[in-house]
Amino acid sequence: MTHPVTRTRPTALAVWLIIAGVIGWWAAFSLTMERIHLLANPDAILGCDISPLVQCGKNLASWQGSLFGFPNPILGLTGWMAPIVVGVAILAGARFARWFWWMFETGVTLAFVFVIWLIGQSIFVLGTLCPWCMVTWAVTIPTFYAVTLHILRTGILPAPAVIRSGADRLMGWVPLLAVISYAIVAVLAQLRLDVLGALF
């Protein structure tokens, strides 16, 4: 029976975590600045308000945009630092304890669930597509896939050998899994909001 090779330094994962963290943090920062601008001038037209369909003003002003009593982008400003730090640490040769990976996976999973909820709210309730929100969605989804598959293939998360082997093979398909996920979101948005009709 073959077992996946244990990777002591998953360089590709580390690089992705840094890239995703930087992109996600920038999106959160941009949304935070837009929120501050909206607070200072409630009648302002935000830079991300491209059309009635593609905008962030409605999302930021909704209760969904402040689910925990403060603007959601603040979660991103703090949360996206974790992948950056973890990625840099891995490249520097750090090796994390099993409990650390479990905590990191828990955070990534919660972020993924939150993003799925936000996607549903945007498409089916608010009827808008927030540009900076979509950037966040775009990096959160593959990050969840990559981290989850990594802890499965290395045995950090206990799993039968067949699951570890499958996770190891799927790791190379994370970009395709992400594209498929984007396509599902795009189809839902098109069916619900007629995006193409609104844009063209």
N, C-alpha and C. Protein backbone atom coordinates (compact mmCIF):
# COMPACT_ATOMS: atom_id res chain seq x y z
N MET A 1 0.84 -1.19 0.00
CA MET A 1 0.00 0.00 0.00
C MET A 1 0.88 1.24 0.00
N THR A 2 0.62 2.13 -0.91
CA THR A 2 1.44 3.34 -1.01
C THR A 2 0.87 4.44 -0.13
N HIS A 3 1.78 5.26 0.39
CA HIS A 3 1.39 6.38 1.22
C HIS A 3 1.95 7.66 0.62
N PRO A 4 1.23 8.77 0.73
CA PRO A 4 1.75 10.02 0.23
C PRO A 4 3.04 10.38 0.93
N VAL A 5 3.93 11.00 0.19
CA VAL A 5 5.19 11.43 0.75
C VAL A 5 4.94 12.61 1.68
N THR A 6 5.50 12.55 2.89
CA THR A 6 5.33 13.65 3.83
C THR A 6 6.19 14.82 3.40
N ARG A 7 5.58 15.96 3.28
CA ARG A 7 6.29 17.16 2.84
C ARG A 7 6.59 18.02 4.06
N THR A 8 7.90 18.18 4.37
CA THR A 8 8.25 18.97 5.53
C THR A 8 8.16 20.45 5.23
N ARG A 9 8.32 20.83 3.96
CA ARG A 9 8.22 22.23 3.60
C ARG A 9 7.40 22.37 2.31
N PRO A 10 6.10 22.53 2.42
CA PRO A 10 5.24 22.67 1.23
C PRO A 10 5.40 24.06 0.61
N THR A 11 6.42 24.21 -0.20
CA THR A 11 6.78 25.53 -0.74
C THR A 11 5.65 26.15 -1.56
N ALA A 12 5.05 25.36 -2.45
CA ALA A 12 3.98 25.90 -3.30
C ALA A 12 2.81 26.41 -2.45
N LEU A 13 2.46 25.65 -1.42
CA LEU A 13 1.39 26.07 -0.52
C LEU A 13 1.77 27.37 0.18
N ALA A 14 3.01 27.46 0.63
CA ALA A 14 3.48 28.66 1.32
C ALA A 14 3.39 29.89 0.43
N VAL A 15 3.84 29.73 -0.81
CA VAL A 15 3.79 30.85 -1.75
C VAL A 15 2.36 31.28 -2.00
N TRP A 16 1.47 30.29 -2.17
CA TRP A 16 0.06 30.64 -2.39
C TRP A 16 -0.53 31.36 -1.18
N LEU A 17 -0.21 30.89 0.02
CA LEU A 17 -0.74 31.53 1.22
C LEU A 17 -0.33 33.00 1.28
N ILE A 18 0.90 33.28 0.89
CA ILE A 18 1.37 34.67 0.90
C ILE A 18 0.63 35.48 -0.15
N ILE A 19 0.52 34.94 -1.36
CA ILE A 19 -0.17 35.66 -2.44
C ILE A 19 -1.63 35.89 -2.09
N ALA A 20 -2.31 34.84 -1.64
CA ALA A 20 -3.72 34.95 -1.27
C ALA A 20 -3.90 35.93 -0.12
N GLY A 21 -3.00 35.86 0.86
CA GLY A 21 -3.09 36.75 2.00
C GLY A 21 -2.96 38.21 1.62
N VAL A 22 -2.01 38.49 0.73
CA VAL A 22 -1.80 39.87 0.29
C VAL A 22 -3.01 40.37 -0.50
N ILE A 23 -3.50 39.54 -1.43
CA ILE A 23 -4.67 39.93 -2.23
C ILE A 23 -5.90 40.12 -1.34
N GLY A 24 -6.13 39.16 -0.45
CA GLY A 24 -7.28 39.24 0.45
C GLY A 24 -7.19 40.45 1.37
N TRP A 25 -5.99 40.72 1.89
CA TRP A 25 -5.82 41.87 2.77
C TRP A 25 -6.08 43.17 2.02
N TRP A 26 -5.59 43.25 0.78
CA TRP A 26 -5.80 44.47 0.00
C TRP A 26 -7.29 44.68 -0.29
N ALA A 27 -7.99 43.61 -0.59
CA ALA A 27 -9.44 43.73 -0.82
C ALA A 27 -10.14 44.21 0.44
N ALA A 28 -9.75 43.65 1.60
CA ALA A 28 -10.36 44.07 2.87
C ALA A 28 -10.03 45.52 3.17
N PHE A 29 -8.79 45.92 2.90
CA PHE A 29 -8.39 47.31 3.13
C PHE A 29 -9.19 48.26 2.24
N SER A 30 -9.35 47.88 0.98
CA SER A 30 -10.10 48.72 0.05
C SER A 30 -11.55 48.85 0.48
N LEU A 31 -12.15 47.75 0.92
CA LEU A 31 -13.53 47.79 1.40
C LEU A 31 -13.65 48.63 2.68
N THR A 32 -12.64 48.53 3.53
CA THR A 32 -12.65 49.32 4.76
C THR A 32 -12.60 50.81 4.44
N MET A 33 -11.76 51.18 3.49
CA MET A 33 -11.66 52.59 3.10
C MET A 33 -12.98 53.07 2.49
N GLU A 34 -13.62 52.22 1.70
CA GLU A 34 -14.91 52.58 1.12
C GLU A 34 -15.96 52.75 2.22
N ARG A 35 -15.91 51.89 3.23
CA ARG A 35 -16.85 51.98 4.33
C ARG A 35 -16.65 53.28 5.11
N ILE A 36 -15.40 53.65 5.35
CA ILE A 36 -15.10 54.91 6.04
C ILE A 36 -15.61 56.10 5.22
N HIS A 37 -15.39 56.02 3.91
CA HIS A 37 -15.86 57.08 3.02
C HIS A 37 -17.38 57.19 3.06
N LEU A 38 -18.05 56.05 3.14
CA LEU A 38 -19.50 56.04 3.19
C LEU A 38 -20.01 56.60 4.52
N LEU A 39 -19.30 56.33 5.59
CA LEU A 39 -19.69 56.86 6.89
C LEU A 39 -19.53 58.38 6.92
N ALA A 40 -18.45 58.86 6.28
CA ALA A 40 -18.19 60.30 6.26
C ALA A 40 -19.17 61.03 5.35
N ASN A 41 -19.60 60.34 4.30
CA ASN A 41 -20.52 60.97 3.34
C ASN A 41 -21.53 59.92 2.87
N PRO A 42 -22.65 59.78 3.56
CA PRO A 42 -23.63 58.73 3.23
C PRO A 42 -24.17 58.79 1.81
N ASP A 43 -24.11 59.96 1.19
CA ASP A 43 -24.62 60.10 -0.17
C ASP A 43 -23.54 59.92 -1.23
N ALA A 44 -22.36 59.54 -0.81
CA ALA A 44 -21.24 59.42 -1.75
C ALA A 44 -21.44 58.25 -2.71
N ILE A 45 -20.92 58.42 -3.91
CA ILE A 45 -20.87 57.33 -4.89
C ILE A 45 -19.49 56.71 -4.76
N LEU A 46 -19.45 55.48 -4.33
CA LEU A 46 -18.18 54.82 -4.07
C LEU A 46 -17.48 54.41 -5.35
N GLY A 47 -16.17 54.30 -5.27
CA GLY A 47 -15.39 53.90 -6.44
C GLY A 47 -15.71 52.50 -6.92
N CYS A 48 -16.24 51.67 -6.03
CA CYS A 48 -16.59 50.30 -6.41
C CYS A 48 -18.03 50.17 -6.86
N ASP A 49 -18.76 51.29 -6.87
CA ASP A 49 -20.14 51.27 -7.35
C ASP A 49 -20.15 51.52 -8.86
N ILE A 50 -20.08 50.43 -9.60
CA ILE A 50 -19.98 50.52 -11.06
C ILE A 50 -21.36 50.61 -11.70
N SER A 51 -22.31 49.87 -11.15
CA SER A 51 -23.67 49.85 -11.68
C SER A 51 -24.59 49.37 -10.57
N PRO A 52 -25.91 49.41 -10.79
CA PRO A 52 -26.82 48.88 -9.75
C PRO A 52 -26.55 47.41 -9.42
N LEU A 53 -26.00 46.66 -10.38
CA LEU A 53 -25.70 45.26 -10.15
C LEU A 53 -24.32 45.07 -9.54
N VAL A 54 -23.33 45.74 -10.11
CA VAL A 54 -21.95 45.60 -9.64
C VAL A 54 -21.61 46.80 -8.76
N GLN A 55 -21.66 46.59 -7.46
CA GLN A 55 -21.41 47.66 -6.51
C GLN A 55 -21.11 47.08 -5.14
N CYS A 56 -20.52 47.90 -4.28
CA CYS A 56 -20.27 47.44 -2.91
C CYS A 56 -21.00 48.28 -1.87
N GLY A 57 -21.54 49.44 -2.29
CA GLY A 57 -22.23 50.32 -1.35
C GLY A 57 -23.40 49.65 -0.66
N LYS A 58 -24.22 48.94 -1.42
CA LYS A 58 -25.39 48.27 -0.85
C LYS A 58 -24.97 47.18 0.12
N ASN A 59 -23.93 46.45 -0.23
CA ASN A 59 -23.44 45.38 0.63
C ASN A 59 -22.89 45.94 1.94
N LEU A 60 -22.11 47.01 1.85
CA LEU A 60 -21.51 47.60 3.04
C LEU A 60 -22.55 48.18 3.97
N ALA A 61 -23.62 48.75 3.41
CA ALA A 61 -24.65 49.39 4.22
C ALA A 61 -25.66 48.40 4.79
N SER A 62 -25.65 47.15 4.33
CA SER A 62 -26.62 46.16 4.79
C SER A 62 -26.20 45.55 6.13
N TRP A 63 -27.15 44.88 6.79
CA TRP A 63 -26.79 44.20 8.04
C TRP A 63 -25.85 43.04 7.78
N GLN A 64 -25.93 42.47 6.58
CA GLN A 64 -25.02 41.39 6.24
C GLN A 64 -23.57 41.88 6.18
N GLY A 65 -23.41 43.17 5.89
CA GLY A 65 -22.07 43.75 5.80
C GLY A 65 -21.43 44.03 7.14
N SER A 66 -22.22 43.89 8.20
CA SER A 66 -21.71 44.07 9.57
C SER A 66 -22.30 42.99 10.46
N LEU A 67 -22.10 41.77 10.08
CA LEU A 67 -22.79 40.65 10.72
C LEU A 67 -22.48 40.54 12.22
N PHE A 68 -21.27 40.89 12.61
CA PHE A 68 -20.87 40.73 14.00
C PHE A 68 -20.85 42.06 14.77
N GLY A 69 -21.52 43.05 14.20
CA GLY A 69 -21.60 44.34 14.88
C GLY A 69 -20.57 45.34 14.44
N PHE A 70 -19.70 44.94 13.55
CA PHE A 70 -18.71 45.84 12.96
C PHE A 70 -18.53 45.43 11.50
N PRO A 71 -18.01 46.34 10.66
CA PRO A 71 -17.90 46.01 9.24
C PRO A 71 -17.10 44.74 8.98
N ASN A 72 -17.63 43.88 8.12
CA ASN A 72 -16.96 42.62 7.80
C ASN A 72 -15.52 42.78 7.33
N PRO A 73 -15.18 43.85 6.58
CA PRO A 73 -13.79 43.98 6.12
C PRO A 73 -12.76 44.00 7.25
N ILE A 74 -13.18 44.37 8.45
CA ILE A 74 -12.23 44.36 9.58
C ILE A 74 -11.79 42.92 9.87
N LEU A 75 -12.70 41.97 9.66
CA LEU A 75 -12.32 40.56 9.79
C LEU A 75 -11.22 40.21 8.81
N GLY A 76 -11.35 40.74 7.59
CA GLY A 76 -10.35 40.47 6.57
C GLY A 76 -9.01 41.11 6.89
N LEU A 77 -9.04 42.33 7.42
CA LEU A 77 -7.80 43.03 7.76
C LEU A 77 -6.98 42.23 8.77
N THR A 78 -7.66 41.60 9.71
CA THR A 78 -6.95 40.81 10.70
C THR A 78 -6.73 39.37 10.24
N GLY A 79 -7.78 38.78 9.67
CA GLY A 79 -7.72 37.37 9.29
C GLY A 79 -6.71 37.05 8.21
N TRP A 80 -6.56 37.93 7.22
CA TRP A 80 -5.66 37.63 6.11
C TRP A 80 -4.19 37.73 6.48
N MET A 81 -3.91 38.28 7.68
CA MET A 81 -2.52 38.29 8.13
C MET A 81 -2.03 36.88 8.46
N ALA A 82 -2.95 36.01 8.89
CA ALA A 82 -2.57 34.65 9.27
C ALA A 82 -1.95 33.87 8.11
N PRO A 83 -2.58 33.80 6.92
CA PRO A 83 -1.94 33.08 5.82
C PRO A 83 -0.58 33.67 5.43
N ILE A 84 -0.47 34.99 5.49
CA ILE A 84 0.81 35.62 5.14
C ILE A 84 1.90 35.16 6.12
N VAL A 85 1.60 35.23 7.41
CA VAL A 85 2.57 34.84 8.43
C VAL A 85 2.92 33.36 8.31
N VAL A 86 1.91 32.51 8.12
CA VAL A 86 2.15 31.07 8.00
C VAL A 86 2.99 30.78 6.76
N GLY A 87 2.66 31.42 5.63
CA GLY A 87 3.42 31.19 4.41
C GLY A 87 4.86 31.61 4.54
N VAL A 88 5.10 32.78 5.10
CA VAL A 88 6.48 33.25 5.29
C VAL A 88 7.23 32.34 6.24
N ALA A 89 6.57 31.91 7.31
CA ALA A 89 7.21 31.03 8.28
C ALA A 89 7.61 29.69 7.65
N ILE A 90 6.73 29.14 6.81
CA ILE A 90 7.05 27.88 6.13
C ILE A 90 8.28 28.05 5.25
N LEU A 91 8.33 29.15 4.48
CA LEU A 91 9.48 29.40 3.61
C LEU A 91 10.76 29.58 4.42
N ALA A 92 10.61 30.09 5.65
CA ALA A 92 11.77 30.29 6.52
C ALA A 92 12.21 29.01 7.22
N GLY A 93 11.45 27.94 7.00
CA GLY A 93 11.83 26.65 7.58
C GLY A 93 11.08 26.25 8.82
N ALA A 94 10.06 27.01 9.19
CA ALA A 94 9.29 26.68 10.39
C ALA A 94 8.50 25.39 10.19
N ARG A 95 8.37 24.63 11.27
CA ARG A 95 7.54 23.43 11.26
C ARG A 95 6.55 23.56 12.41
N PHE A 96 5.26 23.49 12.06
CA PHE A 96 4.22 23.74 13.05
C PHE A 96 3.72 22.45 13.68
N ALA A 97 3.32 22.57 14.93
CA ALA A 97 2.74 21.44 15.63
C ALA A 97 1.38 21.10 15.03
N ARG A 98 0.96 19.87 15.27
CA ARG A 98 -0.32 19.41 14.73
C ARG A 98 -1.47 20.32 15.18
N TRP A 99 -1.48 20.72 16.46
CA TRP A 99 -2.56 21.56 16.98
C TRP A 99 -2.60 22.90 16.25
N PHE A 100 -1.43 23.41 15.84
CA PHE A 100 -1.40 24.68 15.13
C PHE A 100 -2.10 24.55 13.78
N TRP A 101 -1.79 23.46 13.06
CA TRP A 101 -2.43 23.23 11.76
C TRP A 101 -3.93 23.05 11.94
N TRP A 102 -4.36 22.38 13.00
CA TRP A 102 -5.79 22.22 13.25
C TRP A 102 -6.46 23.58 13.46
N MET A 103 -5.81 24.45 14.22
CA MET A 103 -6.36 25.78 14.44
C MET A 103 -6.40 26.58 13.15
N PHE A 104 -5.34 26.47 12.36
CA PHE A 104 -5.28 27.19 11.08
C PHE A 104 -6.37 26.69 10.14
N GLU A 105 -6.55 25.38 10.09
CA GLU A 105 -7.60 24.79 9.26
C GLU A 105 -8.98 25.23 9.73
N THR A 106 -9.16 25.31 11.05
CA THR A 106 -10.44 25.78 11.59
C THR A 106 -10.74 27.20 11.12
N GLY A 107 -9.73 28.07 11.19
CA GLY A 107 -9.90 29.45 10.73
C GLY A 107 -10.20 29.53 9.25
N VAL A 108 -9.48 28.75 8.46
CA VAL A 108 -9.70 28.75 7.01
C VAL A 108 -11.09 28.21 6.67
N THR A 109 -11.52 27.18 7.39
CA THR A 109 -12.85 26.60 7.15
C THR A 109 -13.95 27.59 7.51
N LEU A 110 -13.80 28.27 8.64
CA LEU A 110 -14.79 29.28 9.03
C LEU A 110 -14.85 30.40 8.00
N ALA A 111 -13.69 30.80 7.47
CA ALA A 111 -13.66 31.84 6.43
C ALA A 111 -14.38 31.36 5.18
N PHE A 112 -14.17 30.10 4.81
CA PHE A 112 -14.82 29.52 3.64
C PHE A 112 -16.34 29.48 3.82
N VAL A 113 -16.80 29.03 4.99
CA VAL A 113 -18.24 28.97 5.27
C VAL A 113 -18.84 30.37 5.24
N PHE A 114 -18.12 31.33 5.80
CA PHE A 114 -18.60 32.71 5.83
C PHE A 114 -18.72 33.26 4.41
N VAL A 115 -17.73 32.95 3.58
CA VAL A 115 -17.76 33.41 2.18
C VAL A 115 -18.92 32.78 1.42
N ILE A 116 -19.17 31.50 1.64
CA ILE A 116 -20.31 30.85 0.97
C ILE A 116 -21.61 31.53 1.39
N TRP A 117 -21.72 31.84 2.66
CA TRP A 117 -22.92 32.54 3.15
C TRP A 117 -23.05 33.92 2.50
N LEU A 118 -21.93 34.64 2.42
CA LEU A 118 -21.95 35.98 1.81
C LEU A 118 -22.31 35.91 0.32
N ILE A 119 -21.81 34.88 -0.35
CA ILE A 119 -22.15 34.70 -1.77
C ILE A 119 -23.66 34.54 -1.90
N GLY A 120 -24.23 33.68 -1.07
CA GLY A 120 -25.68 33.47 -1.10
C GLY A 120 -26.45 34.74 -0.81
N GLN A 121 -26.00 35.50 0.17
CA GLN A 121 -26.68 36.75 0.52
C GLN A 121 -26.58 37.76 -0.62
N SER A 122 -25.41 37.85 -1.23
CA SER A 122 -25.22 38.81 -2.33
C SER A 122 -26.10 38.48 -3.53
N ILE A 123 -26.13 37.22 -3.90
CA ILE A 123 -26.86 36.82 -5.10
C ILE A 123 -28.36 36.73 -4.87
N PHE A 124 -28.76 36.12 -3.76
CA PHE A 124 -30.18 35.81 -3.58
C PHE A 124 -30.94 36.81 -2.71
N VAL A 125 -30.24 37.64 -1.95
CA VAL A 125 -30.93 38.60 -1.07
C VAL A 125 -30.67 40.03 -1.51
N LEU A 126 -29.42 40.41 -1.58
CA LEU A 126 -29.08 41.79 -1.92
C LEU A 126 -29.16 42.07 -3.42
N GLY A 127 -28.95 41.06 -4.22
CA GLY A 127 -29.03 41.23 -5.67
C GLY A 127 -27.91 42.06 -6.24
N THR A 128 -26.73 41.97 -5.63
CA THR A 128 -25.58 42.73 -6.11
C THR A 128 -24.34 41.85 -6.14
N LEU A 129 -23.36 42.29 -6.91
CA LEU A 129 -22.06 41.65 -6.95
C LEU A 129 -21.02 42.69 -6.56
N CYS A 130 -20.49 42.56 -5.36
CA CYS A 130 -19.52 43.52 -4.84
C CYS A 130 -18.13 43.17 -5.38
N PRO A 131 -17.49 44.09 -6.12
CA PRO A 131 -16.18 43.78 -6.73
C PRO A 131 -15.12 43.31 -5.74
N TRP A 132 -14.93 44.07 -4.66
CA TRP A 132 -13.90 43.68 -3.69
C TRP A 132 -14.29 42.43 -2.94
N CYS A 133 -15.58 42.23 -2.74
CA CYS A 133 -16.05 40.99 -2.11
C CYS A 133 -15.70 39.80 -2.98
N MET A 134 -15.89 39.95 -4.29
CA MET A 134 -15.59 38.85 -5.21
C MET A 134 -14.11 38.53 -5.23
N VAL A 135 -13.26 39.54 -5.04
CA VAL A 135 -11.82 39.28 -4.93
C VAL A 135 -11.56 38.41 -3.71
N THR A 136 -12.22 38.74 -2.61
CA THR A 136 -12.07 37.94 -1.39
C THR A 136 -12.55 36.51 -1.62
N TRP A 137 -13.70 36.36 -2.27
CA TRP A 137 -14.20 35.02 -2.57
C TRP A 137 -13.17 34.24 -3.40
N ALA A 138 -12.58 34.94 -4.37
CA ALA A 138 -11.69 34.29 -5.32
C ALA A 138 -10.43 33.72 -4.67
N VAL A 139 -9.98 34.31 -3.57
CA VAL A 139 -8.78 33.78 -2.91
C VAL A 139 -9.12 32.87 -1.72
N THR A 140 -10.28 33.07 -1.12
CA THR A 140 -10.66 32.23 0.02
C THR A 140 -10.95 30.80 -0.41
N ILE A 141 -11.63 30.65 -1.53
CA ILE A 141 -12.04 29.31 -1.98
C ILE A 141 -10.84 28.39 -2.24
N PRO A 142 -9.87 28.78 -3.09
CA PRO A 142 -8.72 27.88 -3.29
C PRO A 142 -7.86 27.73 -2.04
N THR A 143 -7.82 28.75 -1.19
CA THR A 143 -7.05 28.62 0.05
C THR A 143 -7.62 27.52 0.93
N PHE A 144 -8.94 27.46 1.01
CA PHE A 144 -9.59 26.40 1.79
C PHE A 144 -9.25 25.03 1.20
N TYR A 145 -9.37 24.90 -0.12
CA TYR A 145 -9.06 23.62 -0.77
C TYR A 145 -7.61 23.21 -0.49
N ALA A 146 -6.68 24.15 -0.68
CA ALA A 146 -5.26 23.84 -0.56
C ALA A 146 -4.88 23.44 0.86
N VAL A 147 -5.34 24.20 1.84
CA VAL A 147 -4.98 23.89 3.23
C VAL A 147 -5.61 22.58 3.68
N THR A 148 -6.87 22.37 3.32
CA THR A 148 -7.56 21.14 3.71
C THR A 148 -6.90 19.91 3.09
N LEU A 149 -6.58 19.97 1.81
CA LEU A 149 -5.92 18.84 1.16
C LEU A 149 -4.53 18.62 1.74
N HIS A 150 -3.84 19.69 2.09
CA HIS A 150 -2.49 19.53 2.66
C HIS A 150 -2.53 18.79 3.99
N ILE A 151 -3.44 19.18 4.88
CA ILE A 151 -3.44 18.51 6.19
C ILE A 151 -3.99 17.08 6.10
N LEU A 152 -4.74 16.80 5.04
CA LEU A 152 -5.20 15.43 4.83
C LEU A 152 -4.07 14.57 4.25
N ARG A 153 -3.37 15.08 3.27
CA ARG A 153 -2.35 14.27 2.60
C ARG A 153 -1.14 14.01 3.50
N THR A 154 -0.88 14.90 4.44
CA THR A 154 0.27 14.73 5.33
C THR A 154 -0.07 13.98 6.61
N GLY A 155 -1.36 13.70 6.82
CA GLY A 155 -1.76 12.98 8.02
C GLY A 155 -1.91 13.88 9.23
N ILE A 156 -1.77 15.19 9.04
CA ILE A 156 -1.99 16.12 10.16
C ILE A 156 -3.40 15.95 10.68
N LEU A 157 -4.34 15.78 9.75
CA LEU A 157 -5.71 15.44 10.10
C LEU A 157 -5.85 13.94 9.85
N PRO A 158 -5.98 13.14 10.89
CA PRO A 158 -6.02 11.68 10.73
C PRO A 158 -7.06 11.25 9.70
N ALA A 159 -6.62 10.41 8.78
CA ALA A 159 -7.50 9.91 7.72
C ALA A 159 -6.94 8.61 7.19
N PRO A 160 -7.79 7.72 6.66
CA PRO A 160 -7.31 6.48 6.06
C PRO A 160 -6.33 6.76 4.93
N ALA A 161 -5.50 5.79 4.63
CA ALA A 161 -4.47 5.94 3.61
C ALA A 161 -5.07 6.30 2.25
N VAL A 162 -6.23 5.76 1.92
CA VAL A 162 -6.82 6.04 0.62
C VAL A 162 -7.23 7.51 0.51
N ILE A 163 -7.68 8.09 1.61
CA ILE A 163 -8.05 9.50 1.60
C ILE A 163 -6.79 10.36 1.50
N ARG A 164 -5.75 9.97 2.22
CA ARG A 164 -4.49 10.71 2.15
C ARG A 164 -3.92 10.68 0.74
N SER A 165 -3.99 9.51 0.13
CA SER A 165 -3.49 9.38 -1.25
C SER A 165 -4.32 10.21 -2.22
N GLY A 166 -5.65 10.19 -2.04
CA GLY A 166 -6.52 10.98 -2.89
C GLY A 166 -6.29 12.46 -2.73
N ALA A 167 -6.08 12.90 -1.48
CA ALA A 167 -5.81 14.30 -1.22
C ALA A 167 -4.50 14.72 -1.86
N ASP A 168 -3.52 13.83 -1.83
CA ASP A 168 -2.22 14.12 -2.44
C ASP A 168 -2.36 14.33 -3.95
N ARG A 169 -3.16 13.49 -4.60
CA ARG A 169 -3.38 13.62 -6.04
C ARG A 169 -4.19 14.87 -6.36
N LEU A 170 -5.18 15.17 -5.51
CA LEU A 170 -6.04 16.33 -5.77
C LEU A 170 -5.33 17.66 -5.57
N MET A 171 -4.24 17.65 -4.82
CA MET A 171 -3.53 18.90 -4.54
C MET A 171 -3.14 19.62 -5.83
N GLY A 172 -2.75 18.86 -6.83
CA GLY A 172 -2.37 19.46 -8.11
C GLY A 172 -3.55 19.98 -8.91
N TRP A 173 -4.75 19.63 -8.46
CA TRP A 173 -5.96 20.05 -9.16
C TRP A 173 -6.70 21.19 -8.46
N VAL A 174 -6.06 21.80 -7.46
CA VAL A 174 -6.70 22.90 -6.74
C VAL A 174 -7.12 24.04 -7.67
N PRO A 175 -6.26 24.44 -8.64
CA PRO A 175 -6.70 25.50 -9.56
C PRO A 175 -7.98 25.14 -10.31
N LEU A 176 -8.08 23.89 -10.76
CA LEU A 176 -9.28 23.46 -11.47
C LEU A 176 -10.49 23.44 -10.53
N LEU A 177 -10.29 22.97 -9.30
CA LEU A 177 -11.39 22.98 -8.33
C LEU A 177 -11.88 24.40 -8.09
N ALA A 178 -10.93 25.33 -8.02
CA ALA A 178 -11.30 26.74 -7.83
C ALA A 178 -12.09 27.26 -9.01
N VAL A 179 -11.63 26.96 -10.22
CA VAL A 179 -12.33 27.42 -11.44
C VAL A 179 -13.74 26.85 -11.49
N ILE A 180 -13.89 25.58 -11.14
CA ILE A 180 -15.22 24.97 -11.12
C ILE A 180 -16.12 25.69 -10.10
N SER A 181 -15.55 26.03 -8.95
CA SER A 181 -16.31 26.75 -7.93
C SER A 181 -16.72 28.13 -8.44
N TYR A 182 -15.80 28.83 -9.11
CA TYR A 182 -16.13 30.13 -9.68
C TYR A 182 -17.25 30.00 -10.70
N ALA A 183 -17.18 28.93 -11.49
CA ALA A 183 -18.19 28.72 -12.53
C ALA A 183 -19.56 28.50 -11.91
N ILE A 184 -19.61 27.77 -10.81
CA ILE A 184 -20.89 27.54 -10.12
C ILE A 184 -21.46 28.86 -9.63
N VAL A 185 -20.60 29.71 -9.03
CA VAL A 185 -21.06 31.02 -8.56
C VAL A 185 -21.55 31.86 -9.73
N ALA A 186 -20.80 31.81 -10.85
CA ALA A 186 -21.18 32.60 -12.02
C ALA A 186 -22.53 32.15 -12.58
N VAL A 187 -22.75 30.84 -12.62
CA VAL A 187 -24.03 30.32 -13.13
C VAL A 187 -25.17 30.74 -12.22
N LEU A 188 -24.96 30.63 -10.91
CA LEU A 188 -26.01 31.06 -9.96
C LEU A 188 -26.31 32.54 -10.13
N ALA A 189 -25.25 33.35 -10.28
CA ALA A 189 -25.45 34.79 -10.45
C ALA A 189 -26.19 35.09 -11.74
N GLN A 190 -25.86 34.36 -12.80
CA GLN A 190 -26.52 34.58 -14.08
C GLN A 190 -27.99 34.19 -14.02
N LEU A 191 -28.27 33.04 -13.41
CA LEU A 191 -29.65 32.58 -13.32
C LEU A 191 -30.50 33.50 -12.46
N ARG A 192 -29.92 34.02 -11.39
CA ARG A 192 -30.67 34.84 -10.46
C ARG A 192 -30.72 36.31 -10.87
N LEU A 193 -29.59 36.83 -11.36
CA LEU A 193 -29.46 38.26 -11.60
C LEU A 193 -29.37 38.66 -13.07
N ASP A 194 -29.26 37.68 -13.96
CA ASP A 194 -29.08 37.96 -15.40
C ASP A 194 -27.94 38.96 -15.59
N VAL A 195 -26.77 38.55 -15.13
CA VAL A 195 -25.58 39.40 -15.15
C VAL A 195 -25.26 39.85 -16.57
N LEU A 196 -25.26 38.91 -17.50
CA LEU A 196 -24.90 39.24 -18.88
C LEU A 196 -25.88 40.25 -19.48
N GLY A 197 -27.16 40.06 -19.20
CA GLY A 197 -28.15 41.00 -19.69
C GLY A 197 -27.97 42.39 -19.10
N ALA A 198 -27.60 42.44 -17.82
CA ALA A 198 -27.42 43.73 -17.15
C ALA A 198 -26.17 44.45 -17.65
N LEU A 199 -25.14 43.68 -17.98
CA LEU A 199 -23.88 44.28 -18.41
C LEU A 199 -23.87 44.64 -19.89
N PHE A 200 -24.61 43.84 -20.69
CA PHE A 200 -24.55 44.06 -22.14
C PHE A 200 -25.93 44.40 -22.71
